Amino acid sequence: PHGVVMAWMRDCLANWKEAGWGWALWNLRGSFGVLDSERADVRYEDWRGHKLDRAMLELLKAS
């Protein structure tokens, strides 16, 4: 579920920041990315013909 993914990502980002670790998101599209994840429980917005998970994007930008 999207809520679980977001909580997991939020925790990981917070832990990595606390440890001073860098991170990278290698796959922006697909099942674990911010575009076209095809999750049924995500509220998407259209972005250049793709389904954008705005909540995940904002979480990543905030870190």
PDB file of N, CA and C in Angstrom:
ATOM      1  N   PRO A   1       0.816  -1.210   0.000  1.00  0.00           N
ATOM      2  CA  PRO A   1       0.000   0.000   0.000  1.00  0.00           C
ATOM      3  C   PRO A   1       0.858   1.273   0.000  1.00  0.00           C
ATOM      4  N   HIS A   2       0.328   2.295  -0.609  1.00  0.00           N
ATOM      5  CA  HIS A   2       1.064   3.547  -0.759  1.00  0.00           C
ATOM      6  C   HIS A   2       1.465   4.141   0.583  1.00  0.00           C
ATOM      7  N   GLY A   3       0.592   4.070   1.563  1.00  0.00           N
ATOM      8  CA  GLY A   3       0.921   4.607   2.882  1.00  0.00           C
ATOM      9  C   GLY A   3       2.123   3.920   3.507  1.00  0.00           C
ATOM     10  N   VAL A   4       2.227   2.622   3.306  1.00  0.00           N
ATOM     11  CA  VAL A   4       3.363   1.862   3.839  1.00  0.00           C
ATOM     12  C   VAL A   4       4.647   2.248   3.101  1.00  0.00           C
ATOM     13  N   VAL A   5       4.563   2.373   1.791  1.00  0.00           N
ATOM     14  CA  VAL A   5       5.726   2.783   0.994  1.00  0.00           C
ATOM     15  C   VAL A   5       6.215   4.154   1.444  1.00  0.00           C
ATOM     16  N   MET A   6       5.281   5.077   1.629  1.00  0.00           N
ATOM     17  CA  MET A   6       5.659   6.434   2.034  1.00  0.00           C
ATOM     18  C   MET A   6       6.275   6.444   3.431  1.00  0.00           C
ATOM     19  N   ALA A   7       5.730   5.680   4.354  1.00  0.00           N
ATOM     20  CA  ALA A   7       6.284   5.616   5.714  1.00  0.00           C
ATOM     21  C   ALA A   7       7.680   5.004   5.689  1.00  0.00           C
ATOM     22  N   TRP A   8       7.854   3.943   4.916  1.00  0.00           N
ATOM     23  CA  TRP A   8       9.169   3.307   4.795  1.00  0.00           C
ATOM     24  C   TRP A   8      10.180   4.287   4.211  1.00  0.00           C
ATOM     25  N   MET A   9       9.786   4.980   3.144  1.00  0.00           N
ATOM     26  CA  MET A   9      10.693   5.925   2.497  1.00  0.00           C
ATOM     27  C   MET A   9      11.038   7.081   3.434  1.00  0.00           C
ATOM     28  N   ARG A  10      10.045   7.588   4.151  1.00  0.00           N
ATOM     29  CA  ARG A  10      10.274   8.682   5.107  1.00  0.00           C
ATOM     30  C   ARG A  10      11.271   8.251   6.185  1.00  0.00           C
ATOM     31  N   ASP A  11      11.096   7.050   6.715  1.00  0.00           N
ATOM     32  CA  ASP A  11      12.011   6.531   7.738  1.00  0.00           C
ATOM     33  C   ASP A  11      13.422   6.352   7.186  1.00  0.00           C
ATOM     34  N   CYS A  12      13.531   5.765   6.008  1.00  0.00           N
ATOM     35  CA  CYS A  12      14.857   5.572   5.404  1.00  0.00           C
ATOM     36  C   CYS A  12      15.552   6.905   5.180  1.00  0.00           C
ATOM     37  N   LEU A  13      14.853   7.860   4.605  1.00  0.00           N
ATOM     38  CA  LEU A  13      15.457   9.164   4.339  1.00  0.00           C
ATOM     39  C   LEU A  13      15.907   9.843   5.624  1.00  0.00           C
ATOM     40  N   ALA A  14      15.106   9.748   6.671  1.00  0.00           N
ATOM     41  CA  ALA A  14      15.472  10.350   7.961  1.00  0.00           C
ATOM     42  C   ALA A  14      16.699   9.663   8.554  1.00  0.00           C
ATOM     43  N   ASN A  15      16.743   8.342   8.495  1.00  0.00           N
ATOM     44  CA  ASN A  15      17.893   7.602   9.025  1.00  0.00           C
ATOM     45  C   ASN A  15      19.163   7.906   8.240  1.00  0.00           C
ATOM     46  N   TRP A  16      19.054   7.968   6.928  1.00  0.00           N
ATOM     47  CA  TRP A  16      20.224   8.264   6.103  1.00  0.00           C
ATOM     48  C   TRP A  16      20.727   9.676   6.364  1.00  0.00           C
ATOM     49  N   LYS A  17      19.809  10.616   6.536  1.00  0.00           N
ATOM     50  CA  LYS A  17      20.211  11.994   6.832  1.00  0.00           C
ATOM     51  C   LYS A  17      20.929  12.057   8.176  1.00  0.00           C
ATOM     52  N   GLU A  18      20.385  11.386   9.173  1.00  0.00           N
ATOM     53  CA  GLU A  18      20.990  11.364  10.506  1.00  0.00           C
ATOM     54  C   GLU A  18      22.395  10.754  10.470  1.00  0.00           C
ATOM     55  N   ALA A  19      22.578   9.741   9.638  1.00  0.00           N
ATOM     56  CA  ALA A  19      23.879   9.078   9.529  1.00  0.00           C
ATOM     57  C   ALA A  19      24.850   9.836   8.621  1.00  0.00           C
ATOM     58  N   GLY A  20      24.336  10.847   7.913  1.00  0.00           N
ATOM     59  CA  GLY A  20      25.184  11.598   6.996  1.00  0.00           C
ATOM     60  C   GLY A  20      25.457  10.877   5.688  1.00  0.00           C
ATOM     61  N   TRP A  21      24.584   9.948   5.339  1.00  0.00           N
ATOM     62  CA  TRP A  21      24.748   9.168   4.116  1.00  0.00           C
ATOM     63  C   TRP A  21      24.080   9.868   2.940  1.00  0.00           C
ATOM     64  N   GLY A  22      24.679   9.755   1.791  1.00  0.00           N
ATOM     65  CA  GLY A  22      24.043  10.193   0.561  1.00  0.00           C
ATOM     66  C   GLY A  22      23.131   9.090   0.033  1.00  0.00           C
ATOM     67  N   TRP A  23      22.304   9.421  -0.927  1.00  0.00           N
ATOM     68  CA  TRP A  23      21.407   8.419  -1.497  1.00  0.00           C
ATOM     69  C   TRP A  23      21.089   8.808  -2.930  1.00  0.00           C
ATOM     70  N   ALA A  24      20.615   7.863  -3.685  1.00  0.00           N
ATOM     71  CA  ALA A  24      20.186   8.103  -5.061  1.00  0.00           C
ATOM     72  C   ALA A  24      18.974   7.228  -5.351  1.00  0.00           C
ATOM     73  N   LEU A  25      18.071   7.747  -6.149  1.00  0.00           N
ATOM     74  CA  LEU A  25      16.919   6.978  -6.614  1.00  0.00           C
ATOM     75  C   LEU A  25      17.170   6.672  -8.084  1.00  0.00           C
ATOM     76  N   TRP A  26      17.475   5.432  -8.377  1.00  0.00           N
ATOM     77  CA  TRP A  26      17.905   5.058  -9.718  1.00  0.00           C
ATOM     78  C   TRP A  26      16.752   4.916 -10.699  1.00  0.00           C
ATOM     79  N   ASN A  27      15.584   4.597 -10.219  1.00  0.00           N
ATOM     80  CA  ASN A  27      14.481   4.333 -11.128  1.00  0.00           C
ATOM     81  C   ASN A  27      13.335   5.292 -10.830  1.00  0.00           C
ATOM     82  N   LEU A  28      13.183   6.312 -11.654  1.00  0.00           N
ATOM     83  CA  LEU A  28      12.096   7.263 -11.438  1.00  0.00           C
ATOM     84  C   LEU A  28      10.766   6.729 -11.951  1.00  0.00           C
ATOM     85  N   ARG A  29      10.804   5.816 -12.915  1.00  0.00           N
ATOM     86  CA  ARG A  29       9.585   5.226 -13.469  1.00  0.00           C
ATOM     87  C   ARG A  29       9.479   3.778 -13.046  1.00  0.00           C
ATOM     88  N   GLY A  30       8.242   3.360 -12.786  1.00  0.00           N
ATOM     89  CA  GLY A  30       8.016   1.953 -12.468  1.00  0.00           C
ATOM     90  C   GLY A  30       7.471   1.759 -11.074  1.00  0.00           C
ATOM     91  N   SER A  31       7.466   0.542 -10.629  1.00  0.00           N
ATOM     92  CA  SER A  31       6.743   0.166  -9.416  1.00  0.00           C
ATOM     93  C   SER A  31       7.206   0.869  -8.149  1.00  0.00           C
ATOM     94  N   PHE A  32       8.417   1.388  -8.121  1.00  0.00           N
ATOM     95  CA  PHE A  32       8.877   2.073  -6.914  1.00  0.00           C
ATOM     96  C   PHE A  32       9.347   3.488  -7.205  1.00  0.00           C
ATOM     97  N   GLY A  33       8.922   4.042  -8.310  1.00  0.00           N
ATOM     98  CA  GLY A  33       9.330   5.390  -8.668  1.00  0.00           C
ATOM     99  C   GLY A  33       8.211   6.399  -8.500  1.00  0.00           C
ATOM    100  N   VAL A  34       8.505   7.634  -8.870  1.00  0.00           N
ATOM    101  CA  VAL A  34       7.512   8.705  -8.757  1.00  0.00           C
ATOM    102  C   VAL A  34       6.632   8.803 -10.001  1.00  0.00           C
ATOM    103  N   LEU A  35       7.005   8.115 -11.062  1.00  0.00           N
ATOM    104  CA  LEU A  35       6.224   8.137 -12.298  1.00  0.00           C
ATOM    105  C   LEU A  35       5.743   6.735 -12.663  1.00  0.00           C
ATOM    106  N   ASP A  36       4.485   6.660 -13.043  1.00  0.00           N
ATOM    107  CA  ASP A  36       3.915   5.441 -13.638  1.00  0.00           C
ATOM    108  C   ASP A  36       4.072   4.191 -12.773  1.00  0.00           C
ATOM    109  N   SER A  37       3.856   4.312 -11.476  1.00  0.00           N
ATOM    110  CA  SER A  37       4.011   3.153 -10.593  1.00  0.00           C
ATOM    111  C   SER A  37       2.835   2.179 -10.694  1.00  0.00           C
ATOM    112  N   GLU A  38       1.719   2.638 -11.240  1.00  0.00           N
ATOM    113  CA  GLU A  38       0.522   1.806 -11.426  1.00  0.00           C
ATOM    114  C   GLU A  38      -0.066   1.284 -10.120  1.00  0.00           C
ATOM    115  N   ARG A  39       0.209   1.953  -9.016  1.00  0.00           N
ATOM    116  CA  ARG A  39      -0.415   1.578  -7.740  1.00  0.00           C
ATOM    117  C   ARG A  39      -1.865   2.058  -7.750  1.00  0.00           C
ATOM    118  N   ALA A  40      -2.765   1.210  -7.335  1.00  0.00           N
ATOM    119  CA  ALA A  40      -4.191   1.546  -7.365  1.00  0.00           C
ATOM    120  C   ALA A  40      -4.571   2.567  -6.295  1.00  0.00           C
ATOM    121  N   ASP A  41      -3.764   2.690  -5.246  1.00  0.00           N
ATOM    122  CA  ASP A  41      -4.136   3.553  -4.123  1.00  0.00           C
ATOM    123  C   ASP A  41      -3.405   4.897  -4.109  1.00  0.00           C
ATOM    124  N   VAL A  42      -2.846   5.308  -5.246  1.00  0.00           N
ATOM    125  CA  VAL A  42      -2.141   6.587  -5.343  1.00  0.00           C
ATOM    126  C   VAL A  42      -3.016   7.594  -6.072  1.00  0.00           C
ATOM    127  N   ARG A  43      -3.031   8.818  -5.579  1.00  0.00           N
ATOM    128  CA  ARG A  43      -3.713   9.897  -6.287  1.00  0.00           C
ATOM    129  C   ARG A  43      -2.693  10.536  -7.231  1.00  0.00           C
ATOM    130  N   TYR A  44      -2.801  10.226  -8.502  1.00  0.00           N
ATOM    131  CA  TYR A  44      -1.843  10.700  -9.495  1.00  0.00           C
ATOM    132  C   TYR A  44      -2.267  12.039 -10.071  1.00  0.00           C
ATOM    133  N   GLU A  45      -1.275  12.748 -10.601  1.00  0.00           N
ATOM    134  CA  GLU A  45      -1.570  13.889 -11.453  1.00  0.00           C
ATOM    135  C   GLU A  45      -0.852  13.651 -12.778  1.00  0.00           C
ATOM    136  N   ASP A  46      -1.415  14.192 -13.831  1.00  0.00           N
ATOM    137  CA  ASP A  46      -0.813  14.033 -15.145  1.00  0.00           C
ATOM    138  C   ASP A  46       0.402  14.951 -15.258  1.00  0.00           C
ATOM    139  N   TRP A  47       1.523  14.414 -15.702  1.00  0.00           N
ATOM    140  CA  TRP A  47       2.726  15.200 -15.943  1.00  0.00           C
ATOM    141  C   TRP A  47       3.333  14.734 -17.249  1.00  0.00           C
ATOM    142  N   ARG A  48       3.129  15.523 -18.289  1.00  0.00           N
ATOM    143  CA  ARG A  48       3.681  15.238 -19.614  1.00  0.00           C
ATOM    144  C   ARG A  48       3.338  13.829 -20.101  1.00  0.00           C
ATOM    145  N   GLY A  49       2.110  13.430 -19.854  1.00  0.00           N
ATOM    146  CA  GLY A  49       1.651  12.118 -20.303  1.00  0.00           C
ATOM    147  C   GLY A  49       1.983  10.968 -19.367  1.00  0.00           C
ATOM    148  N   HIS A  50       2.566  11.277 -18.220  1.00  0.00           N
ATOM    149  CA  HIS A  50       2.900  10.260 -17.224  1.00  0.00           C
ATOM    150  C   HIS A  50       2.044  10.467 -15.988  1.00  0.00           C
ATOM    151  N   LYS A  51       1.927   9.420 -15.186  1.00  0.00           N
ATOM    152  CA  LYS A  51       1.211   9.498 -13.912  1.00  0.00           C
ATOM    153  C   LYS A  51       2.227   9.833 -12.824  1.00  0.00           C
ATOM    154  N   LEU A  52       2.122  11.036 -12.265  1.00  0.00           N
ATOM    155  CA  LEU A  52       3.064  11.517 -11.257  1.00  0.00           C
ATOM    156  C   LEU A  52       2.499  11.318  -9.860  1.00  0.00           C
ATOM    157  N   ASP A  53       3.292  10.688  -9.003  1.00  0.00           N
ATOM    158  CA  ASP A  53       2.963  10.542  -7.583  1.00  0.00           C
ATOM    159  C   ASP A  53       3.529  11.773  -6.878  1.00  0.00           C
ATOM    160  N   ARG A  54       2.726  12.808  -6.775  1.00  0.00           N
ATOM    161  CA  ARG A  54       3.169  14.087  -6.223  1.00  0.00           C
ATOM    162  C   ARG A  54       3.602  13.953  -4.765  1.00  0.00           C
ATOM    163  N   ALA A  55       2.896  13.149  -3.984  1.00  0.00           N
ATOM    164  CA  ALA A  55       3.244  12.990  -2.568  1.00  0.00           C
ATOM    165  C   ALA A  55       4.656  12.419  -2.420  1.00  0.00           C
ATOM    166  N   MET A  56       4.999  11.428  -3.234  1.00  0.00           N
ATOM    167  CA  MET A  56       6.339  10.847  -3.159  1.00  0.00           C
ATOM    168  C   MET A  56       7.387  11.845  -3.639  1.00  0.00           C
ATOM    169  N   LEU A  57       7.081  12.564  -4.697  1.00  0.00           N
ATOM    170  CA  LEU A  57       8.018  13.561  -5.200  1.00  0.00           C
ATOM    171  C   LEU A  57       8.307  14.619  -4.138  1.00  0.00           C
ATOM    172  N   GLU A  58       7.267  15.099  -3.472  1.00  0.00           N
ATOM    173  CA  GLU A  58       7.461  16.122  -2.439  1.00  0.00           C
ATOM    174  C   GLU A  58       8.258  15.577  -1.258  1.00  0.00           C
ATOM    175  N   LEU A  59       8.040  14.321  -0.897  1.00  0.00           N
ATOM    176  CA  LEU A  59       8.823  13.703   0.173  1.00  0.00           C
ATOM    177  C   LEU A  59      10.302  13.655  -0.209  1.00  0.00           C
ATOM    178  N   LEU A  60      10.592  13.254  -1.430  1.00  0.00           N
ATOM    179  CA  LEU A  60      11.977  13.192  -1.887  1.00  0.00           C
ATOM    180  C   LEU A  60      12.607  14.580  -1.941  1.00  0.00           C
ATOM    181  N   LYS A  61      11.861  15.556  -2.414  1.00  0.00           N
ATOM    182  CA  LYS A  61      12.391  16.919  -2.489  1.00  0.00           C
ATOM    183  C   LYS A  61      12.680  17.495  -1.108  1.00  0.00           C
ATOM    184  N   ALA A  62      11.886  17.126  -0.128  1.00  0.00           N
ATOM    185  CA  ALA A  62      12.053  17.648   1.232  1.00  0.00           C
ATOM    186  C   ALA A  62      13.277  17.069   1.928  1.00  0.00           C
ATOM    187  N   SER A  63      13.770  15.949   1.438  1.00  0.00           N
ATOM    188  CA  SER A  63      14.907  15.330   2.114  1.00  0.00           C
ATOM    189  C   SER A  63      16.176  15.968   1.632  1.00  0.00           C
TER     190      SER A  63
END
